[in-house]
C-alpha atoms as a PDB file:
ATOM      1  CA  MET A   1     -42.191 -21.042  22.899  1.00  0.00           C
ATOM      2  CA  SER A   2     -41.317 -22.260  26.046  1.00  0.00           C
ATOM      3  CA  ASP A   3     -39.200 -20.193  28.460  1.00  0.00           C
ATOM      4  CA  VAL A   4     -35.721 -20.987  28.752  1.00  0.00           C
ATOM      5  CA  ILE A   5     -34.340 -21.330  32.228  1.00  0.00           C
ATOM      6  CA  VAL A   6     -30.606 -19.953  32.760  1.00  0.00           C
ATOM      7  CA  ALA A   7     -30.046 -20.640  36.599  1.00  0.00           C
ATOM      8  CA  LEU A   8     -26.966 -18.695  38.003  1.00  0.00           C
ATOM      9  CA  ASP A   9     -24.762 -18.708  41.051  1.00  0.00           C
ATOM     10  CA  VAL A  10     -21.637 -16.700  42.127  1.00  0.00           C
ATOM     11  CA  GLU A  11     -19.134 -17.300  44.630  1.00  0.00           C
ATOM     12  CA  THR A  12     -16.990 -14.346  45.668  1.00  0.00           C
ATOM     13  CA  THR A  13     -14.269 -13.443  48.080  1.00  0.00           C
ATOM     14  CA  GLY A  14     -16.490 -12.273  50.582  1.00  0.00           C
ATOM     15  CA  LEU A  15     -20.003 -10.641  51.035  1.00  0.00           C
ATOM     16  CA  SER A  16     -19.374  -7.021  50.228  1.00  0.00           C
ATOM     17  CA  VAL A  17     -21.111  -6.167  46.998  1.00  0.00           C
ATOM     18  CA  ALA A  18     -19.240  -3.127  46.964  1.00  0.00           C
ATOM     19  CA  ARG A  19     -15.613  -4.209  47.478  1.00  0.00           C
ATOM     20  CA  ASP A  20     -15.313  -8.172  46.718  1.00  0.00           C
ATOM     21  CA  ASP A  21     -14.294 -10.061  43.538  1.00  0.00           C
ATOM     22  CA  ILE A  22     -16.427 -13.203  41.935  1.00  0.00           C
ATOM     23  CA  THR A  23     -14.013 -15.994  42.176  1.00  0.00           C
ATOM     24  CA  GLN A  24     -16.528 -18.566  40.634  1.00  0.00           C
ATOM     25  CA  ILE A  25     -19.989 -18.377  37.977  1.00  0.00           C
ATOM     26  CA  GLY A  26     -21.852 -21.125  37.330  1.00  0.00           C
ATOM     27  CA  ILE A  27     -24.923 -21.674  34.996  1.00  0.00           C
ATOM     28  CA  CYS A  28     -27.790 -24.471  34.439  1.00  0.00           C
ATOM     29  CA  VAL A  29     -29.475 -24.161  31.385  1.00  0.00           C
ATOM     30  CA  GLN A  30     -32.917 -26.012  31.115  1.00  0.00           C
ATOM     31  CA  SER A  31     -36.107 -25.817  29.448  1.00  0.00           C
ATOM     32  CA  ARG A  32     -39.534 -24.454  31.555  1.00  0.00           C
ATOM     33  CA  ALA A  33     -40.331 -28.413  31.173  1.00  0.00           C
ATOM     34  CA  GLY A  34     -36.838 -29.578  32.980  1.00  0.00           C
ATOM     35  CA  GLU A  35     -34.854 -30.603  29.634  1.00  0.00           C
ATOM     36  CA  PRO A  36     -31.202 -30.163  30.184  1.00  0.00           C
ATOM     37  CA  LEU A  37     -29.496 -28.093  27.481  1.00  0.00           C
ATOM     38  CA  GLY A  38     -26.121 -27.055  28.707  1.00  0.00           C
ATOM     39  CA  GLU A  39     -24.037 -26.298  31.898  1.00  0.00           C
ATOM     40  CA  TYR A  40     -21.086 -23.402  32.205  1.00  0.00           C
ATOM     41  CA  GLU A  41     -18.377 -23.497  35.012  1.00  0.00           C
ATOM     42  CA  SER A  42     -15.462 -21.319  35.500  1.00  0.00           C
ATOM     43  CA  LEU A  43     -13.082 -19.546  38.083  1.00  0.00           C
ATOM     44  CA  VAL A  44     -12.057 -16.223  37.645  1.00  0.00           C
ATOM     45  CA  ARG A  45      -8.835 -15.131  37.785  1.00  0.00           C
ATOM     46  CA  ALA A  46      -7.990 -12.995  40.934  1.00  0.00           C
ATOM     47  CA  ASP A  47      -7.936  -9.062  40.397  1.00  0.00           C
ATOM     48  CA  PRO A  48      -4.399  -7.835  42.123  1.00  0.00           C
ATOM     49  CA  ARG A  49      -6.386  -5.607  44.171  1.00  0.00           C
ATOM     50  CA  SER A  50      -9.038  -7.868  45.222  1.00  0.00           C
ATOM     51  CA  PRO A  51      -9.672  -8.710  48.717  1.00  0.00           C
ATOM     52  CA  ALA A  52      -7.584 -11.833  50.170  1.00  0.00           C
ATOM     53  CA  LEU A  53      -9.600 -14.809  50.287  1.00  0.00           C
ATOM     54  CA  ASP A  54     -10.113 -15.706  54.348  1.00  0.00           C
ATOM     55  CA  ARG A  55     -10.206 -18.907  55.901  1.00  0.00           C
ATOM     56  CA  VAL A  56     -14.091 -19.162  56.108  1.00  0.00           C
ATOM     57  CA  VAL A  57     -14.479 -18.656  52.605  1.00  0.00           C
ATOM     58  CA  ILE A  58     -12.098 -21.103  51.646  1.00  0.00           C
ATOM     59  CA  GLU A  59     -13.460 -23.461  53.790  1.00  0.00           C
ATOM     60  CA  LEU A  60     -17.091 -23.188  52.588  1.00  0.00           C
ATOM     61  CA  THR A  61     -16.340 -22.806  48.897  1.00  0.00           C
ATOM     62  CA  GLY A  62     -12.571 -25.127  48.438  1.00  0.00           C
ATOM     63  CA  ILE A  63     -11.415 -22.914  46.254  1.00  0.00           C
ATOM     64  CA  LYS A  64      -7.847 -21.479  47.032  1.00  0.00           C
ATOM     65  CA  PRO A  65      -6.205 -18.435  45.998  1.00  0.00           C
ATOM     66  CA  VAL A  66      -3.434 -20.514  43.977  1.00  0.00           C
ATOM     67  CA  ASP A  67      -6.611 -21.790  41.809  1.00  0.00           C
ATOM     68  CA  LEU A  68      -7.140 -18.218  40.574  1.00  0.00           C
ATOM     69  CA  VAL A  69      -3.845 -17.776  39.394  1.00  0.00           C
ATOM     70  CA  SER A  70      -4.224 -19.213  36.250  1.00  0.00           C
ATOM     71  CA  ALA A  71      -7.905 -18.887  35.686  1.00  0.00           C
ATOM     72  CA  PRO A  72      -9.293 -17.001  32.974  1.00  0.00           C
ATOM     73  CA  THR A  73     -10.225 -13.256  33.368  1.00  0.00           C
ATOM     74  CA  PHE A  74     -13.294 -11.705  34.327  1.00  0.00           C
ATOM     75  CA  LYS A  75     -14.091  -9.935  30.777  1.00  0.00           C
ATOM     76  CA  GLN A  76     -13.315 -13.592  29.205  1.00  0.00           C
ATOM     77  CA  VAL A  77     -15.801 -15.166  31.382  1.00  0.00           C
ATOM     78  CA  LEU A  78     -18.544 -12.783  30.436  1.00  0.00           C
ATOM     79  CA  SER A  79     -17.607 -13.501  26.742  1.00  0.00           C
ATOM     80  CA  ASP A  80     -17.486 -16.925  27.238  1.00  0.00           C
ATOM     81  CA  ILE A  81     -21.160 -17.136  28.925  1.00  0.00           C
ATOM     82  CA  THR A  82     -22.438 -15.041  25.964  1.00  0.00           C
ATOM     83  CA  VAL A  83     -20.897 -17.720  23.289  1.00  0.00           C
ATOM     84  CA  PHE A  84     -22.309 -20.576  25.784  1.00  0.00           C
ATOM     85  CA  LEU A  85     -25.900 -19.330  25.742  1.00  0.00           C
ATOM     86  CA  ASP A  86     -26.059 -18.640  22.397  1.00  0.00           C
ATOM     87  CA  ASN A  87     -25.152 -22.280  21.491  1.00  0.00           C
ATOM     88  CA  VAL A  88     -27.460 -23.869  23.952  1.00  0.00           C
ATOM     89  CA  CYS A  89     -30.333 -21.851  23.781  1.00  0.00           C
ATOM     90  CA  PRO A  90     -32.904 -22.123  21.299  1.00  0.00           C
ATOM     91  CA  ASP A  91     -33.465 -19.148  19.221  1.00  0.00           C
ATOM     92  CA  GLN A  92     -36.272 -17.018  19.766  1.00  0.00           C
ATOM     93  CA  ALA A  93     -37.463 -18.682  23.431  1.00  0.00           C
ATOM     94  CA  PRO A  94     -37.291 -16.265  26.066  1.00  0.00           C
ATOM     95  CA  ARG A  95     -34.406 -16.708  28.516  1.00  0.00           C
ATOM     96  CA  LEU A  96     -34.991 -16.096  32.231  1.00  0.00           C
ATOM     97  CA  LEU A  97     -32.405 -15.458  34.549  1.00  0.00           C
ATOM     98  CA  LEU A  98     -32.914 -17.269  38.102  1.00  0.00           C
ATOM     99  CA  ALA A  99     -30.495 -16.727  41.111  1.00  0.00           C
ATOM    100  CA  HIS A 100     -31.237 -17.518  44.619  1.00  0.00           C
ATOM    101  CA  ASN A 101     -30.913 -14.148  46.809  1.00  0.00           C
ATOM    102  CA  GLY A 102     -30.352 -12.653  43.284  1.00  0.00           C
ATOM    103  CA  ASP A 103     -31.555  -9.433  44.009  1.00  0.00           C
ATOM    104  CA  GLY A 104     -29.477  -8.567  47.073  1.00  0.00           C
ATOM    105  CA  PHE A 105     -26.232 -10.624  46.010  1.00  0.00           C
ATOM    106  CA  ASP A 106     -25.803 -12.357  42.674  1.00  0.00           C
ATOM    107  CA  VAL A 107     -26.936  -9.686  40.021  1.00  0.00           C
ATOM    108  CA  PRO A 108     -25.496  -6.778  42.460  1.00  0.00           C
ATOM    109  CA  MET A 109     -22.436  -8.594  42.253  1.00  0.00           C
ATOM    110  CA  ILE A 110     -22.012  -9.297  38.586  1.00  0.00           C
ATOM    111  CA  VAL A 111     -22.854  -5.596  38.026  1.00  0.00           C
ATOM    112  CA  GLN A 112     -20.786  -4.124  40.345  1.00  0.00           C
ATOM    113  CA  ASN A 113     -17.699  -6.516  39.057  1.00  0.00           C
ATOM    114  CA  ILE A 114     -18.536  -5.149  35.768  1.00  0.00           C
ATOM    115  CA  ARG A 115     -18.414  -1.435  36.620  1.00  0.00           C
ATOM    116  CA  ARG A 116     -15.242  -1.698  39.080  1.00  0.00           C
ATOM    117  CA  ARG A 117     -13.094  -4.362  37.509  1.00  0.00           C
ATOM    118  CA  LEU A 118     -13.554  -3.250  33.931  1.00  0.00           C
ATOM    119  CA  SER A 119     -13.916  -0.052  34.542  1.00  0.00           C
ATOM    120  CA  ILE A 120     -17.773   0.092  32.421  1.00  0.00           C
ATOM    121  CA  ASP A 121     -20.480   2.713  33.754  1.00  0.00           C
ATOM    122  CA  ASP A 122     -23.171   0.713  31.639  1.00  0.00           C
ATOM    123  CA  PRO A 123     -23.207  -2.781  32.601  1.00  0.00           C
ATOM    124  CA  MET A 124     -26.128  -3.494  30.771  1.00  0.00           C
ATOM    125  CA  SER A 125     -23.821  -3.200  27.678  1.00  0.00           C
ATOM    126  CA  ILE A 126     -22.070  -6.312  28.831  1.00  0.00           C
ATOM    127  CA  LEU A 127     -25.036  -8.360  29.907  1.00  0.00           C
ATOM    128  CA  ARG A 128     -27.371  -7.708  26.877  1.00  0.00           C
ATOM    129  CA  THR A 129     -25.320  -9.782  25.001  1.00  0.00           C
ATOM    130  CA  TRP A 130     -26.813 -12.562  27.515  1.00  0.00           C
ATOM    131  CA  LYS A 131     -30.474 -11.832  25.868  1.00  0.00           C
ATOM    132  CA  ILE A 132     -31.806 -12.108  29.075  1.00  0.00           C
ATOM    133  CA  GLU A 133     -35.806 -11.124  29.081  1.00  0.00           C
ATOM    134  CA  GLY A 134     -35.856 -11.102  32.948  1.00  0.00           C
ATOM    135  CA  CYS A 135     -34.449 -11.757  36.395  1.00  0.00           C
ATOM    136  CA  ILE A 136     -36.442 -13.805  39.422  1.00  0.00           C
ATOM    137  CA  ASP A 137     -34.825 -13.734  42.532  1.00  0.00           C
ATOM    138  CA  THR A 138     -35.798 -17.551  43.921  1.00  0.00           C
ATOM    139  CA  LEU A 139     -35.766 -16.626  47.252  1.00  0.00           C
ATOM    140  CA  ARG A 140     -38.498 -14.291  47.007  1.00  0.00           C
ATOM    141  CA  VAL A 141     -40.796 -17.162  45.167  1.00  0.00           C
ATOM    142  CA  CYS A 142     -39.881 -19.558  47.840  1.00  0.00           C
ATOM    143  CA  ARG A 143     -40.720 -17.125  50.343  1.00  0.00           C
ATOM    144  CA  THR A 144     -44.152 -17.128  48.983  1.00  0.00           C
ATOM    145  CA  GLU A 145     -44.745 -20.034  47.143  1.00  0.00           C
ATOM    146  CA  LEU A 146     -43.577 -22.814  50.139  1.00  0.00           C
ATOM    147  CA  GLN A 147     -45.876 -21.713  52.826  1.00  0.00           C
ATOM    148  CA  SER A 148     -47.388 -24.771  53.113  1.00  0.00           C
ATOM    149  CA  ILE A 149     -43.876 -26.339  54.126  1.00  0.00           C
ATOM    150  CA  ARG A 150     -42.694 -23.280  56.669  1.00  0.00           C
ATOM    151  CA  CYS A 151     -43.175 -25.388  59.707  1.00  0.00           C
ATOM    152  CA  GLN A 152     -41.133 -28.607  57.910  1.00  0.00           C
ATOM    153  CA  LEU A 153     -37.993 -26.285  57.213  1.00  0.00           C
ATOM    154  CA  PRO A 154     -34.727 -25.836  59.456  1.00  0.00           C
ATOM    155  CA  ARG A 155     -34.638 -22.958  61.935  1.00  0.00           C
ATOM    156  CA  ASN A 156     -32.161 -19.770  61.996  1.00  0.00           C
ATOM    157  CA  LYS A 157     -30.567 -18.210  64.498  1.00  0.00           C
ATOM    158  CA  ARG A 158     -33.829 -15.856  65.097  1.00  0.00           C
ATOM    159  CA  GLY A 159     -36.186 -18.893  65.237  1.00  0.00           C
ATOM    160  CA  LEU A 160     -37.690 -18.529  61.951  1.00  0.00           C
ATOM    161  CA  PRO A 161     -37.897 -20.453  59.112  1.00  0.00           C
ATOM    162  CA  SER A 162     -34.930 -21.069  56.845  1.00  0.00           C
ATOM    163  CA  PHE A 163     -35.046 -20.311  53.439  1.00  0.00           C
ATOM    164  CA  LYS A 164     -31.420 -21.053  52.464  1.00  0.00           C
ATOM    165  CA  LEU A 165     -30.769 -22.901  49.087  1.00  0.00           C
ATOM    166  CA  VAL A 166     -29.486 -25.924  50.657  1.00  0.00           C
ATOM    167  CA  ASP A 167     -32.618 -25.981  53.625  1.00  0.00           C
ATOM    168  CA  ILE A 168     -35.208 -25.907  50.866  1.00  0.00           C
ATOM    169  CA  TYR A 169     -33.376 -28.488  48.854  1.00  0.00           C
ATOM    170  CA  LYS A 170     -33.030 -30.879  51.663  1.00  0.00           C
ATOM    171  CA  THR A 171     -36.606 -30.739  52.757  1.00  0.00           C
ATOM    172  CA  THR A 172     -38.579 -30.505  49.193  1.00  0.00           C
ATOM    173  CA  MET A 173     -36.165 -33.100  47.429  1.00  0.00           C
ATOM    174  CA  GLY A 174     -35.585 -35.453  50.860  1.00  0.00           C
ATOM    175  CA  LYS A 175     -31.658 -35.432  50.232  1.00  0.00           C
ATOM    176  CA  PRO A 176     -29.188 -33.104  50.931  1.00  0.00           C
ATOM    177  CA  LEU A 177     -27.523 -30.819  48.517  1.00  0.00           C
ATOM    178  CA  SER A 178     -24.284 -32.201  47.220  1.00  0.00           C
ATOM    179  CA  GLY A 179     -21.532 -29.904  46.647  1.00  0.00           C
ATOM    180  CA  ALA A 180     -23.424 -27.180  48.065  1.00  0.00           C
ATOM    181  CA  HIS A 181     -21.770 -23.547  47.722  1.00  0.00           C
ATOM    182  CA  THR A 182     -19.905 -24.520  44.673  1.00  0.00           C
ATOM    183  CA  ALA A 183     -21.259 -22.307  41.590  1.00  0.00           C
ATOM    184  CA  LEU A 184     -22.264 -25.001  39.310  1.00  0.00           C
ATOM    185  CA  CYS A 185     -23.872 -27.267  42.188  1.00  0.00           C
ATOM    186  CA  ASP A 186     -26.284 -24.451  43.483  1.00  0.00           C
ATOM    187  CA  ALA A 187     -27.039 -23.513  39.806  1.00  0.00           C
ATOM    188  CA  ARG A 188     -28.083 -27.046  39.335  1.00  0.00           C
ATOM    189  CA  ALA A 189     -29.761 -27.033  42.464  1.00  0.00           C
ATOM    190  CA  LEU A 190     -31.986 -24.350  41.360  1.00  0.00           C
ATOM    191  CA  CYS A 191     -32.742 -26.083  38.126  1.00  0.00           C
ATOM    192  CA  GLU A 192     -34.088 -29.190  39.665  1.00  0.00           C
ATOM    193  CA  LEU A 193     -36.273 -26.911  42.043  1.00  0.00           C
ATOM    194  CA  VAL A 194     -37.905 -24.995  39.450  1.00  0.00           C
ATOM    195  CA  CYS A 195     -38.076 -27.355  36.388  1.00  0.00           C
ATOM    196  CA  GLY A 196     -37.621 -30.963  37.668  1.00  0.00           C
ATOM    197  CA  THR A 197     -40.257 -30.623  40.068  1.00  0.00           C
ATOM    198  CA  ASP A 198     -44.227 -30.414  39.835  1.00  0.00           C
ATOM    199  CA  MET A 199     -44.211 -28.414  42.599  1.00  0.00           C
ATOM    200  CA  GLY A 200     -41.106 -25.751  40.783  1.00  0.00           C
ATOM    201  CA  ARG A 201     -43.159 -26.128  37.245  1.00  0.00           C
ATOM    202  CA  ALA A 202     -46.707 -24.570  38.882  1.00  0.00           C
ATOM    203  CA  TRP A 203     -44.818 -21.511  40.182  1.00  0.00           C
ATOM    204  CA  PRO A 204     -46.086 -18.313  38.533  1.00  0.00           C
ATOM    205  CA  LEU A 205     -42.419 -17.094  37.842  1.00  0.00           C
ATOM    206  CA  SER A 206     -44.125 -14.266  35.489  1.00  0.00           C
ATOM    207  CA  THR A 207     -45.310 -12.748  38.737  1.00  0.00           C
ATOM    208  CA  TYR A 208     -41.747 -12.352  40.176  1.00  0.00           C
ATOM    209  CA  GLN A 209     -40.003 -11.382  37.117  1.00  0.00           C
ATOM    210  CA  ASN A 210     -37.958  -8.513  36.874  1.00  0.00           C
ATOM    211  CA  THR A 211     -36.011  -7.064  33.874  1.00  0.00           C
ATOM    212  CA  LEU A 212     -32.297  -6.512  34.242  1.00  0.00           C
ATOM    213  CA  VAL A 213     -32.774  -2.934  32.816  1.00  0.00           C
ATOM    214  CA  LYS A 214     -35.364  -1.914  35.446  1.00  0.00           C
ATOM    215  CA  TYR A 215     -33.644  -3.712  38.376  1.00  0.00           C
ATOM    216  CA  CYS A 216     -30.507  -1.531  37.616  1.00  0.00           C
ATOM    217  CA  MET A 217     -32.444   1.844  37.301  1.00  0.00           C
ATOM    218  CA  LEU A 218     -33.934   1.051  40.477  1.00  0.00           C
ATOM    219  CA  ARG A 219     -30.745   0.238  42.236  1.00  0.00           C
ATOM    220  CA  SER A 220     -29.035   3.360  40.940  1.00  0.00           C
ATOM    221  CA  LYS A 221     -31.904   5.524  42.315  1.00  0.00           C
ATOM    222  CA  LYS A 222     -31.507   3.950  45.664  1.00  0.00           C
ATOM    223  CA  ARG A 223     -27.995   4.757  45.756  1.00  0.00           C
ATOM    224  CA  ARG A 224     -28.422   7.866  44.769  1.00  0.00           C
ATOM    225  CA  ALA A 225     -30.737   8.474  47.388  1.00  0.00           C
ATOM    226  CA  SER A 226     -28.598   6.858  50.144  1.00  0.00           C
ATOM    227  CA  ALA A 227     -25.450   8.787  49.172  1.00  0.00           C
ATOM    228  CA  SER A 228     -27.382  12.211  49.554  1.00  0.00           C
ATOM    229  CA  ILE A 229     -28.615  10.961  53.063  1.00  0.00           C
ATOM    230  CA  ARG A 230     -24.993  10.280  53.924  1.00  0.00           C
ATOM    231  CA  ASP A 231     -23.550  13.270  52.938  1.00  0.00           C
ATOM    232  CA  ILE A 232     -26.264  15.190  54.956  1.00  0.00           C
ATOM    233  CA  VAL A 233     -25.594  12.863  57.892  1.00  0.00           C
ATOM    234  CA  GLN A 234     -21.832  13.656  57.960  1.00  0.00           C
ATOM    235  CA  LYS A 235     -22.288  17.424  57.679  1.00  0.00           C
ATOM    236  CA  GLN A 236     -24.887  17.528  60.709  1.00  0.00           C
ATOM    237  CA  LYS A 237     -22.232  15.499  62.495  1.00  0.00           C
ATOM    238  CA  LYS A 238     -19.310  17.814  61.643  1.00  0.00           C
ATOM    239  CA  ARG A 239     -21.103  20.957  62.329  1.00  0.00           C
ATOM    240  CA  ARG A 240     -22.219  19.395  65.758  1.00  0.00           C
ATOM    241  CA  HIS A 241     -18.654  18.787  67.063  1.00  0.00           C
ATOM    242  CA  ASN A 242     -16.726  21.839  65.445  1.00  0.00           C
ATOM    243  CA  PRO A 243     -18.162  25.247  67.438  1.00  0.00           C
ATOM    244  CA  THR A 244     -16.753  27.502  64.327  1.00  0.00           C
ATOM    245  CA  SER A 245     -18.617  25.832  61.743  1.00  0.00           C
ATOM    246  CA  HIS A 246     -21.024  29.113  61.916  1.00  0.00           C
ATOM    247  CA  ASP A 247     -18.609  31.430  61.847  1.00  0.00           C
ATOM    248  CA  GLU A 248     -16.600  29.578  58.589  1.00  0.00           C
ATOM    249  CA  PRO A 249     -19.569  27.787  57.062  1.00  0.00           C
ATOM    250  CA  GLY A 250     -18.109  27.684  53.261  1.00  0.00           C
ATOM    251  CA  ALA A 251     -14.514  26.134  55.010  1.00  0.00           C
ATOM    252  CA  VAL A 252     -16.267  23.523  57.392  1.00  0.00           C
ATOM    253  CA  CYS A 253     -18.885  22.572  54.788  1.00  0.00           C
ATOM    254  CA  GLY A 254     -16.129  22.092  52.201  1.00  0.00           C
ATOM    255  CA  ALA A 255     -14.442  19.691  54.757  1.00  0.00           C
ATOM    256  CA  ALA A 256     -17.398  17.879  55.557  1.00  0.00           C
ATOM    257  CA  ASP A 257     -18.461  17.157  51.902  1.00  0.00           C
ATOM    258  CA  ARG A 258     -14.911  15.927  51.444  1.00  0.00           C
ATOM    259  CA  HIS A 259     -14.894  13.672  54.630  1.00  0.00           C
ATOM    260  CA  GLY A 260     -18.816  12.357  53.848  1.00  0.00           C
ATOM    261  CA  ALA A 261     -17.881  11.434  50.492  1.00  0.00           C
ATOM    262  CA  HIS A 262     -14.871   9.519  51.687  1.00  0.00           C
ATOM    263  CA  VAL A 263     -16.927   7.665  54.502  1.00  0.00           C
ATOM    264  CA  GLY A 264     -19.660   6.969  51.926  1.00  0.00           C
ATOM    265  CA  ASP A 265     -17.160   5.194  49.464  1.00  0.00           C
ATOM    266  CA  GLN A 266     -15.839   3.109  52.560  1.00  0.00           C
ATOM    267  CA  GLY A 267     -18.229   2.568  55.283  1.00  0.00           C
ATOM    268  CA  ALA A 268     -20.821   1.486  52.762  1.00  0.00           C
ATOM    269  CA  PRO A 269     -22.715  -1.500  53.788  1.00  0.00           C
ATOM    270  CA  THR A 270     -22.597  -4.792  52.484  1.00  0.00           C
ATOM    271  CA  THR A 271     -25.290  -4.529  49.994  1.00  0.00           C
ATOM    272  CA  VAL A 272     -24.553  -1.271  48.311  1.00  0.00           C
ATOM    273  CA  PRO A 273     -26.971  -0.151  46.159  1.00  0.00           C
ATOM    274  CA  LEU A 274     -25.604  -0.315  42.417  1.00  0.00           C
ATOM    275  CA  ALA A 275     -24.400   3.080  40.380  1.00  0.00           C
END
């Protein structure tokens, strides 16, 4: 049985995987041959502790704080997605999750939001209910498979070809992406590229496939390694700036440990590995 493509996109309060919250989820489901199977879209209720939506995000997505007040909770949205996928996906058909920059943003954002907002240590306990067999980052796919049209793509600020979804869509489809930066429109665009064109149907998606379980394990290992490096650096800085550190190693190390842990949490990069 052919694969079922589950194209997903999220909108958020910002770009920090560690701190920002999901505000909208959109899903478009099609068969690999391009047969539409169903669509899902929902806003996500704001958490009282969520970062405020700034003007740039509001202008980009059109989502305002007032829109999120009465929206379904994040937990309810995840449960609704499980029911939706079971209803629209054929039995026994492998489900492949597609997201543009999914490895760097969409999947980490979902996993981290599950951990932080629902206080669930094992995000896979939720994601397993979606019965996703593999996760594919279409940004990686496009960078490899679209070599023949690199010269036609718009240039980014560094003068390199832009592989943003809006630019790829306009270049390959010959028309602008209507409704860009709304979750469902972006998910539809992914399905249209991958399932609705001869070019996309020819892409060897299995070459880029990664399981969600493997993905989460890899990100967890990276975070533990990153946290260990940050602790070491903080201890070294503390010793250099405190000349008494050699006289009272125990006291200084204790302070460095506490300070390092604090900085590791608050000063993490926007693409914090998941754990």
